[in-house]
């Protein structure tokens, strides 16, 4: 599936020092996927005491990354 990253998500990636390869890895092999409002999904991956969260909307076979951020692992429970 094709992946597009919004300008906002790219800014967040710079802010949290998250590389595009990590975003792609999270989308391809997440530890968990949560439903969100409307048709959004949150892909999560554990990483060194943190959780990488990638918020995505899917349109016609394209995953559009809306935002990306890193949070402390205790803040979000990951179902593995």
PDB file of N, CA and C in Angstrom:
ATOM      1  N   UNK A   1       0.837  -1.175   0.000  1.00  0.00           N
ATOM      2  CA  UNK A   1       0.000   0.000   0.000  1.00  0.00           C
ATOM      3  C   UNK A   1       0.885   1.243   0.000  1.00  0.00           C
ATOM      4  N   UNK A   2       0.526   2.220  -0.772  1.00  0.00           N
ATOM      5  CA  UNK A   2       1.292   3.458  -0.863  1.00  0.00           C
ATOM      6  C   UNK A   2       1.121   4.274   0.420  1.00  0.00           C
ATOM      7  N   UNK A   3       2.198   4.976   0.817  1.00  0.00           N
ATOM      8  CA  UNK A   3       2.184   5.796   2.027  1.00  0.00           C
ATOM      9  C   UNK A   3       2.518   7.233   1.655  1.00  0.00           C
ATOM     10  N   UNK A   4       1.695   8.167   2.142  1.00  0.00           N
ATOM     11  CA  UNK A   4       1.967   9.593   1.991  1.00  0.00           C
ATOM     12  C   UNK A   4       2.075  10.197   3.380  1.00  0.00           C
ATOM     13  N   UNK A   5       3.025  11.098   3.568  1.00  0.00           N
ATOM     14  CA  UNK A   5       3.233  11.732   4.865  1.00  0.00           C
ATOM     15  C   UNK A   5       2.931  13.220   4.731  1.00  0.00           C
ATOM     16  N   UNK A   6       2.009  13.713   5.551  1.00  0.00           N
ATOM     17  CA  UNK A   6       1.628  15.126   5.482  1.00  0.00           C
ATOM     18  C   UNK A   6       2.757  16.020   6.000  1.00  0.00           C
ATOM     19  N   UNK A   7       2.652  17.282   5.689  1.00  0.00           N
ATOM     20  CA  UNK A   7       3.646  18.264   6.156  1.00  0.00           C
ATOM     21  C   UNK A   7       3.672  18.293   7.684  1.00  0.00           C
ATOM     22  N   UNK A   8       2.489  18.260   8.286  1.00  0.00           N
ATOM     23  CA  UNK A   8       2.417  18.260   9.752  1.00  0.00           C
ATOM     24  C   UNK A   8       3.148  17.053  10.342  1.00  0.00           C
ATOM     25  N   UNK A   9       2.920  15.875   9.770  1.00  0.00           N
ATOM     26  CA  UNK A   9       3.588  14.667  10.261  1.00  0.00           C
ATOM     27  C   UNK A   9       5.102  14.776  10.102  1.00  0.00           C
ATOM     28  N   UNK A  10       5.564  15.349   9.001  1.00  0.00           N
ATOM     29  CA  UNK A  10       7.010  15.530   8.799  1.00  0.00           C
ATOM     30  C   UNK A  10       7.592  16.481   9.845  1.00  0.00           C
ATOM     31  N   UNK A  11       6.840  17.527  10.191  1.00  0.00           N
ATOM     32  CA  UNK A  11       7.298  18.453  11.234  1.00  0.00           C
ATOM     33  C   UNK A  11       7.399  17.736  12.570  1.00  0.00           C
ATOM     34  N   UNK A  12       6.410  16.909  12.881  1.00  0.00           N
ATOM     35  CA  UNK A  12       6.442  16.134  14.120  1.00  0.00           C
ATOM     36  C   UNK A  12       7.594  15.134  14.117  1.00  0.00           C
ATOM     37  N   UNK A  13       7.876  14.524  12.989  1.00  0.00           N
ATOM     38  CA  UNK A  13       8.999  13.594  12.895  1.00  0.00           C
ATOM     39  C   UNK A  13      10.303  14.310  13.212  1.00  0.00           C
ATOM     40  N   UNK A  14      10.466  15.526  12.703  1.00  0.00           N
ATOM     41  CA  UNK A  14      11.669  16.310  13.021  1.00  0.00           C
ATOM     42  C   UNK A  14      11.701  16.654  14.514  1.00  0.00           C
ATOM     43  N   UNK A  15      10.558  17.075  15.051  1.00  0.00           N
ATOM     44  CA  UNK A  15      10.471  17.478  16.453  1.00  0.00           C
ATOM     45  C   UNK A  15      10.847  16.328  17.389  1.00  0.00           C
ATOM     46  N   UNK A  16      10.379  15.130  17.099  1.00  0.00           N
ATOM     47  CA  UNK A  16      10.634  13.971  17.948  1.00  0.00           C
ATOM     48  C   UNK A  16      11.822  13.134  17.485  1.00  0.00           C
ATOM     49  N   UNK A  17      12.520  13.593  16.459  1.00  0.00           N
ATOM     50  CA  UNK A  17      13.675  12.872  15.902  1.00  0.00           C
ATOM     51  C   UNK A  17      13.307  11.433  15.535  1.00  0.00           C
ATOM     52  N   UNK A  18      12.242  11.304  14.742  1.00  0.00           N
ATOM     53  CA  UNK A  18      11.759  10.014  14.265  1.00  0.00           C
ATOM     54  C   UNK A  18      12.036   9.929  12.765  1.00  0.00           C
ATOM     55  N   UNK A  19      12.778   8.921  12.359  1.00  0.00           N
ATOM     56  CA  UNK A  19      13.130   8.758  10.955  1.00  0.00           C
ATOM     57  C   UNK A  19      11.980   8.118  10.176  1.00  0.00           C
ATOM     58  N   UNK A  20      11.937   8.389   8.881  1.00  0.00           N
ATOM     59  CA  UNK A  20      10.886   7.833   8.026  1.00  0.00           C
ATOM     60  C   UNK A  20      10.906   6.304   8.029  1.00  0.00           C
ATOM     61  N   UNK A  21      12.087   5.709   8.149  1.00  0.00           N
ATOM     62  CA  UNK A  21      12.190   4.251   8.188  1.00  0.00           C
ATOM     63  C   UNK A  21      11.434   3.684   9.391  1.00  0.00           C
ATOM     64  N   UNK A  22      11.473   4.396  10.523  1.00  0.00           N
ATOM     65  CA  UNK A  22      10.760   3.940  11.718  1.00  0.00           C
ATOM     66  C   UNK A  22       9.249   4.060  11.520  1.00  0.00           C
ATOM     67  N   UNK A  23       8.811   5.114  10.859  1.00  0.00           N
ATOM     68  CA  UNK A  23       7.387   5.274  10.547  1.00  0.00           C
ATOM     69  C   UNK A  23       6.932   4.121   9.650  1.00  0.00           C
ATOM     70  N   UNK A  24       7.696   3.838   8.610  1.00  0.00           N
ATOM     71  CA  UNK A  24       7.354   2.737   7.700  1.00  0.00           C
ATOM     72  C   UNK A  24       7.335   1.394   8.436  1.00  0.00           C
ATOM     73  N   UNK A  25       8.311   1.179   9.305  1.00  0.00           N
ATOM     74  CA  UNK A  25       8.380  -0.060  10.081  1.00  0.00           C
ATOM     75  C   UNK A  25       7.164  -0.193  11.001  1.00  0.00           C
ATOM     76  N   UNK A  26       6.751   0.909  11.597  1.00  0.00           N
ATOM     77  CA  UNK A  26       5.580   0.900  12.475  1.00  0.00           C
ATOM     78  C   UNK A  26       4.323   0.562  11.691  1.00  0.00           C
ATOM     79  N   UNK A  27       4.208   1.092  10.480  1.00  0.00           N
ATOM     80  CA  UNK A  27       3.037   0.810   9.650  1.00  0.00           C
ATOM     81  C   UNK A  27       3.040  -0.620   9.127  1.00  0.00           C
ATOM     82  N   UNK A  28       4.213  -1.151   8.809  1.00  0.00           N
ATOM     83  CA  UNK A  28       4.312  -2.498   8.247  1.00  0.00           C
ATOM     84  C   UNK A  28       4.242  -3.595   9.303  1.00  0.00           C
ATOM     85  N   UNK A  29       4.745  -3.297  10.508  1.00  0.00           N
ATOM     86  CA  UNK A  29       4.817  -4.317  11.552  1.00  0.00           C
ATOM     87  C   UNK A  29       4.536  -3.699  12.924  1.00  0.00           C
ATOM     88  N   UNK A  30       3.311  -3.216  13.149  1.00  0.00           N
ATOM     89  CA  UNK A  30       2.998  -2.567  14.427  1.00  0.00           C
ATOM     90  C   UNK A  30       2.855  -3.573  15.567  1.00  0.00           C
ATOM     91  N   UNK A  31       3.074  -3.091  16.787  1.00  0.00           N
ATOM     92  CA  UNK A  31       2.782  -3.919  17.958  1.00  0.00           C
ATOM     93  C   UNK A  31       1.280  -3.945  18.205  1.00  0.00           C
ATOM     94  N   UNK A  32       0.596  -2.871  17.834  1.00  0.00           N
ATOM     95  CA  UNK A  32      -0.862  -2.841  17.944  1.00  0.00           C
ATOM     96  C   UNK A  32      -1.430  -1.781  17.004  1.00  0.00           C
ATOM     97  N   UNK A  33      -2.709  -1.942  16.676  1.00  0.00           N
ATOM     98  CA  UNK A  33      -3.437  -0.971  15.856  1.00  0.00           C
ATOM     99  C   UNK A  33      -4.738  -0.674  16.591  1.00  0.00           C
ATOM    100  N   UNK A  34      -4.973   0.601  16.842  1.00  0.00           N
ATOM    101  CA  UNK A  34      -6.181   1.024  17.530  1.00  0.00           C
ATOM    102  C   UNK A  34      -7.087   1.763  16.569  1.00  0.00           C
ATOM    103  N   UNK A  35      -8.385   1.587  16.744  1.00  0.00           N
ATOM    104  CA  UNK A  35      -9.332   2.388  15.993  1.00  0.00           C
ATOM    105  C   UNK A  35      -9.416   3.761  16.622  1.00  0.00           C
ATOM    106  N   UNK A  36      -9.739   4.738  15.837  1.00  0.00           N
ATOM    107  CA  UNK A  36      -9.895   6.102  16.318  1.00  0.00           C
ATOM    108  C   UNK A  36     -11.180   6.644  15.723  1.00  0.00           C
ATOM    109  N   UNK A  37     -11.434   7.915  15.902  1.00  0.00           N
ATOM    110  CA  UNK A  37     -12.665   8.465  15.343  1.00  0.00           C
ATOM    111  C   UNK A  37     -12.592   8.540  13.829  1.00  0.00           C
ATOM    112  N   UNK A  38     -13.772   8.606  13.227  1.00  0.00           N
ATOM    113  CA  UNK A  38     -13.940   8.565  11.775  1.00  0.00           C
ATOM    114  C   UNK A  38     -13.243   7.317  11.239  1.00  0.00           C
ATOM    115  N   UNK A  39     -12.437   7.439  10.207  1.00  0.00           N
ATOM    116  CA  UNK A  39     -11.788   6.248   9.642  1.00  0.00           C
ATOM    117  C   UNK A  39     -10.289   6.218   9.942  1.00  0.00           C
ATOM    118  N   UNK A  40      -9.892   6.831  11.035  1.00  0.00           N
ATOM    119  CA  UNK A  40      -8.473   6.863  11.406  1.00  0.00           C
ATOM    120  C   UNK A  40      -8.078   5.634  12.205  1.00  0.00           C
ATOM    121  N   UNK A  41      -6.792   5.289  12.066  1.00  0.00           N
ATOM    122  CA  UNK A  41      -6.203   4.199  12.845  1.00  0.00           C
ATOM    123  C   UNK A  41      -4.911   4.717  13.463  1.00  0.00           C
ATOM    124  N   UNK A  42      -4.590   4.184  14.631  1.00  0.00           N
ATOM    125  CA  UNK A  42      -3.342   4.545  15.301  1.00  0.00           C
ATOM    126  C   UNK A  42      -2.474   3.294  15.365  1.00  0.00           C
ATOM    127  N   UNK A  43      -1.354   3.342  14.670  1.00  0.00           N
ATOM    128  CA  UNK A  43      -0.380   2.248  14.666  1.00  0.00           C
ATOM    129  C   UNK A  43       0.632   2.543  15.766  1.00  0.00           C
ATOM    130  N   UNK A  44       0.918   1.538  16.604  1.00  0.00           N
ATOM    131  CA  UNK A  44       1.834   1.732  17.723  1.00  0.00           C
ATOM    132  C   UNK A  44       2.958   0.712  17.693  1.00  0.00           C
ATOM    133  N   UNK A  45       4.135   1.183  18.138  1.00  0.00           N
ATOM    134  CA  UNK A  45       5.293   0.296  18.225  1.00  0.00           C
ATOM    135  C   UNK A  45       6.106   0.694  19.451  1.00  0.00           C
ATOM    136  N   UNK A  46       6.500  -0.304  20.252  1.00  0.00           N
ATOM    137  CA  UNK A  46       7.354  -0.056  21.410  1.00  0.00           C
ATOM    138  C   UNK A  46       8.782   0.217  20.953  1.00  0.00           C
ATOM    139  N   UNK A  47       9.447   1.155  21.650  1.00  0.00           N
ATOM    140  CA  UNK A  47      10.817   1.493  21.290  1.00  0.00           C
ATOM    141  C   UNK A  47      11.524   2.104  22.493  1.00  0.00           C
ATOM    142  N   UNK A  48      12.426   1.369  23.113  1.00  0.00           N
ATOM    143  CA  UNK A  48      13.283   1.889  24.182  1.00  0.00           C
ATOM    144  C   UNK A  48      12.529   2.680  25.249  1.00  0.00           C
ATOM    145  N   UNK A  49      11.497   2.116  25.833  1.00  0.00           N
ATOM    146  CA  UNK A  49      10.757   2.787  26.884  1.00  0.00           C
ATOM    147  C   UNK A  49       9.728   3.790  26.383  1.00  0.00           C
ATOM    148  N   UNK A  50       9.607   3.908  25.083  1.00  0.00           N
ATOM    149  CA  UNK A  50       8.636   4.816  24.469  1.00  0.00           C
ATOM    150  C   UNK A  50       7.685   4.030  23.575  1.00  0.00           C
ATOM    151  N   UNK A  51       6.642   4.715  23.164  1.00  0.00           N
ATOM    152  CA  UNK A  51       5.723   4.182  22.177  1.00  0.00           C
ATOM    153  C   UNK A  51       5.691   5.169  21.018  1.00  0.00           C
ATOM    154  N   UNK A  52       5.952   4.684  19.825  1.00  0.00           N
ATOM    155  CA  UNK A  52       5.808   5.506  18.625  1.00  0.00           C
ATOM    156  C   UNK A  52       4.365   5.338  18.180  1.00  0.00           C
ATOM    157  N   UNK A  53       3.667   6.455  17.982  1.00  0.00           N
ATOM    158  CA  UNK A  53       2.265   6.417  17.540  1.00  0.00           C
ATOM    159  C   UNK A  53       2.159   7.125  16.201  1.00  0.00           C
ATOM    160  N   UNK A  54       1.586   6.436  15.227  1.00  0.00           N
ATOM    161  CA  UNK A  54       1.430   6.954  13.871  1.00  0.00           C
ATOM    162  C   UNK A  54      -0.070   6.960  13.565  1.00  0.00           C
ATOM    163  N   UNK A  55      -0.624   8.163  13.381  1.00  0.00           N
ATOM    164  CA  UNK A  55      -2.053   8.308  13.114  1.00  0.00           C
ATOM    165  C   UNK A  55      -2.256   8.389  11.604  1.00  0.00           C
ATOM    166  N   UNK A  56      -3.134   7.507  11.093  1.00  0.00           N
ATOM    167  CA  UNK A  56      -3.284   7.312   9.654  1.00  0.00           C
ATOM    168  C   UNK A  56      -4.754   7.330   9.247  1.00  0.00           C
ATOM    169  N   UNK A  57      -5.014   7.893   8.068  1.00  0.00           N
ATOM    170  CA  UNK A  57      -6.296   7.724   7.385  1.00  0.00           C
ATOM    171  C   UNK A  57      -6.007   7.021   6.072  1.00  0.00           C
ATOM    172  N   UNK A  58      -6.898   6.125   5.666  1.00  0.00           N
ATOM    173  CA  UNK A  58      -6.707   5.407   4.413  1.00  0.00           C
ATOM    174  C   UNK A  58      -7.710   5.879   3.381  1.00  0.00           C
ATOM    175  N   UNK A  59      -7.210   6.187   2.186  1.00  0.00           N
ATOM    176  CA  UNK A  59      -8.034   6.622   1.061  1.00  0.00           C
ATOM    177  C   UNK A  59      -7.628   5.851  -0.178  1.00  0.00           C
ATOM    178  N   UNK A  60      -8.529   5.097  -0.726  1.00  0.00           N
ATOM    179  CA  UNK A  60      -8.316   4.432  -2.016  1.00  0.00           C
ATOM    180  C   UNK A  60      -6.950   3.759  -2.115  1.00  0.00           C
ATOM    181  N   UNK A  61      -6.606   2.969  -1.115  1.00  0.00           N
ATOM    182  CA  UNK A  61      -5.348   2.236  -1.151  1.00  0.00           C
ATOM    183  C   UNK A  61      -4.124   3.035  -0.773  1.00  0.00           C
ATOM    184  N   UNK A  62      -4.308   4.233  -0.228  1.00  0.00           N
ATOM    185  CA  UNK A  62      -3.183   5.064   0.200  1.00  0.00           C
ATOM    186  C   UNK A  62      -3.315   5.310   1.703  1.00  0.00           C
ATOM    187  N   UNK A  63      -2.237   5.059   2.435  1.00  0.00           N
ATOM    188  CA  UNK A  63      -2.195   5.397   3.856  1.00  0.00           C
ATOM    189  C   UNK A  63      -1.632   6.805   3.960  1.00  0.00           C
ATOM    190  N   UNK A  64      -2.426   7.722   4.496  1.00  0.00           N
ATOM    191  CA  UNK A  64      -1.987   9.101   4.685  1.00  0.00           C
ATOM    192  C   UNK A  64      -1.635   9.279   6.158  1.00  0.00           C
ATOM    193  N   UNK A  65      -0.359   9.540   6.428  1.00  0.00           N
ATOM    194  CA  UNK A  65       0.120   9.731   7.793  1.00  0.00           C
ATOM    195  C   UNK A  65      -0.200  11.166   8.198  1.00  0.00           C
ATOM    196  N   UNK A  66      -1.082  11.321   9.194  1.00  0.00           N
ATOM    197  CA  UNK A  66      -1.516  12.641   9.631  1.00  0.00           C
ATOM    198  C   UNK A  66      -0.608  13.233  10.694  1.00  0.00           C
ATOM    199  N   UNK A  67      -0.164  12.395  11.622  1.00  0.00           N
ATOM    200  CA  UNK A  67       0.765  12.852  12.648  1.00  0.00           C
ATOM    201  C   UNK A  67       1.538  11.670  13.203  1.00  0.00           C
ATOM    202  N   UNK A  68       2.659  11.978  13.819  1.00  0.00           N
ATOM    203  CA  UNK A  68       3.556  10.974  14.400  1.00  0.00           C
ATOM    204  C   UNK A  68       4.082  11.560  15.696  1.00  0.00           C
ATOM    205  N   UNK A  69       4.121  10.755  16.735  1.00  0.00           N
ATOM    206  CA  UNK A  69       4.736  11.256  17.959  1.00  0.00           C
ATOM    207  C   UNK A  69       5.224  10.115  18.829  1.00  0.00           C
ATOM    208  N   UNK A  70       6.064  10.485  19.784  1.00  0.00           N
ATOM    209  CA  UNK A  70       6.671   9.544  20.712  1.00  0.00           C
ATOM    210  C   UNK A  70       6.105   9.867  22.090  1.00  0.00           C
ATOM    211  N   UNK A  71       5.668   8.844  22.817  1.00  0.00           N
ATOM    212  CA  UNK A  71       5.121   9.027  24.158  1.00  0.00           C
ATOM    213  C   UNK A  71       5.758   8.014  25.107  1.00  0.00           C
ATOM    214  N   UNK A  72       5.740   8.343  26.384  1.00  0.00           N
ATOM    215  CA  UNK A  72       6.237   7.379  27.371  1.00  0.00           C
ATOM    216  C   UNK A  72       5.367   6.129  27.329  1.00  0.00           C
ATOM    217  N   UNK A  73       6.000   4.979  27.449  1.00  0.00           N
ATOM    218  CA  UNK A  73       5.269   3.719  27.285  1.00  0.00           C
ATOM    219  C   UNK A  73       4.178   3.534  28.317  1.00  0.00           C
ATOM    220  N   UNK A  74       4.306   4.085  29.496  1.00  0.00           N
ATOM    221  CA  UNK A  74       3.274   3.953  30.508  1.00  0.00           C
ATOM    222  C   UNK A  74       2.020   4.740  30.210  1.00  0.00           C
ATOM    223  N   UNK A  75       2.123   5.693  29.321  1.00  0.00           N
ATOM    224  CA  UNK A  75       0.966   6.540  29.011  1.00  0.00           C
ATOM    225  C   UNK A  75      -0.067   5.802  28.153  1.00  0.00           C
ATOM    226  N   UNK A  76       0.379   4.952  27.267  1.00  0.00           N
ATOM    227  CA  UNK A  76      -0.514   4.215  26.382  1.00  0.00           C
ATOM    228  C   UNK A  76      -0.276   2.728  26.551  1.00  0.00           C
ATOM    229  N   UNK A  77      -1.325   2.016  26.827  1.00  0.00           N
ATOM    230  CA  UNK A  77      -1.232   0.568  26.978  1.00  0.00           C
ATOM    231  C   UNK A  77      -1.206  -0.072  25.604  1.00  0.00           C
ATOM    232  N   UNK A  78      -0.219  -0.903  25.351  1.00  0.00           N
ATOM    233  CA  UNK A  78      -0.123  -1.590  24.073  1.00  0.00           C
ATOM    234  C   UNK A  78      -0.575  -3.028  24.258  1.00  0.00           C
ATOM    235  N   UNK A  79      -1.494  -3.445  23.436  1.00  0.00           N
ATOM    236  CA  UNK A  79      -1.965  -4.820  23.425  1.00  0.00           C
ATOM    237  C   UNK A  79      -1.126  -5.582  22.403  1.00  0.00           C
ATOM    238  N   UNK A  80      -0.290  -6.496  22.871  1.00  0.00           N
ATOM    239  CA  UNK A  80       0.570  -7.242  21.959  1.00  0.00           C
ATOM    240  C   UNK A  80       0.075  -8.660  21.834  1.00  0.00           C
TER     241      UNK A  80
END
